[in-house]
Amino acid sequence: MAEEGGDAPLWKRLAWMAAIWLASVTVLGAVAMVIRWWLKV
């Protein structure tokens, strides 16, 4: 996968991990809010 230029720098890998984590937390929060709203109705 990253064979052409070696491994990515540590900061870039950490930034990707943080971005993926933030996106997953955001999506899970949105799903939780939809479920809460659905249960109240």
C-alpha atoms as a PDB file:
ATOM      1  CA  MET A   1       0.000   0.000   0.000  1.00  0.00           C
ATOM      2  CA  ALA A   2       2.618   2.559   1.053  1.00  0.00           C
ATOM      3  CA  GLU A   3       5.423   0.732  -0.748  1.00  0.00           C
ATOM      4  CA  GLU A   4       6.305   3.411  -3.282  1.00  0.00           C
ATOM      5  CA  GLY A   5       7.757   5.985  -0.895  1.00  0.00           C
ATOM      6  CA  GLY A   6       8.094   4.203   2.402  1.00  0.00           C
ATOM      7  CA  ASP A   7       5.952   4.854   5.449  1.00  0.00           C
ATOM      8  CA  ALA A   8       4.166   8.144   5.903  1.00  0.00           C
ATOM      9  CA  PRO A   9       5.504  10.488   8.594  1.00  0.00           C
ATOM     10  CA  LEU A  10       4.222   9.935  12.096  1.00  0.00           C
ATOM     11  CA  TRP A  11       2.300  13.230  12.189  1.00  0.00           C
ATOM     12  CA  LYS A  12       0.457  12.325   8.999  1.00  0.00           C
ATOM     13  CA  ARG A  13      -0.521   8.881  10.322  1.00  0.00           C
ATOM     14  CA  LEU A  14      -1.674  10.433  13.602  1.00  0.00           C
ATOM     15  CA  ALA A  15      -3.656  13.077  11.719  1.00  0.00           C
ATOM     16  CA  TRP A  16      -5.415  10.369   9.683  1.00  0.00           C
ATOM     17  CA  MET A  17      -6.185   8.377  12.831  1.00  0.00           C
ATOM     18  CA  ALA A  18      -7.557  11.501  14.539  1.00  0.00           C
ATOM     19  CA  ALA A  19      -9.675  12.386  11.500  1.00  0.00           C
ATOM     20  CA  ILE A  20     -11.119   8.862  11.267  1.00  0.00           C
ATOM     21  CA  TRP A  21     -11.786   8.817  15.023  1.00  0.00           C
ATOM     22  CA  LEU A  22     -13.498  12.223  14.876  1.00  0.00           C
ATOM     23  CA  ALA A  23     -15.635  11.166  11.915  1.00  0.00           C
ATOM     24  CA  SER A  24     -16.718   7.961  13.660  1.00  0.00           C
ATOM     25  CA  VAL A  25     -17.565   9.810  16.881  1.00  0.00           C
ATOM     26  CA  THR A  26     -19.569  12.362  14.874  1.00  0.00           C
ATOM     27  CA  VAL A  27     -21.496   9.680  12.995  1.00  0.00           C
ATOM     28  CA  LEU A  28     -22.203   7.720  16.177  1.00  0.00           C
ATOM     29  CA  GLY A  29     -23.388  10.903  17.893  1.00  0.00           C
ATOM     30  CA  ALA A  30     -25.713  11.683  15.005  1.00  0.00           C
ATOM     31  CA  VAL A  31     -27.119   8.135  15.065  1.00  0.00           C
ATOM     32  CA  ALA A  32     -27.630   8.395  18.830  1.00  0.00           C
ATOM     33  CA  MET A  33     -29.495  11.700  18.432  1.00  0.00           C
ATOM     34  CA  VAL A  34     -31.718  10.230  15.719  1.00  0.00           C
ATOM     35  CA  ILE A  35     -32.503   7.199  17.886  1.00  0.00           C
ATOM     36  CA  ARG A  36     -33.279   9.451  20.881  1.00  0.00           C
ATOM     37  CA  TRP A  37     -35.576  11.610  18.757  1.00  0.00           C
ATOM     38  CA  TRP A  38     -37.242   8.526  17.306  1.00  0.00           C
ATOM     39  CA  LEU A  39     -37.908   7.034  20.745  1.00  0.00           C
ATOM     40  CA  LYS A  40     -39.441  10.310  22.013  1.00  0.00           C
ATOM     41  CA  VAL A  41     -41.900  10.567  19.123  1.00  0.00           C
END
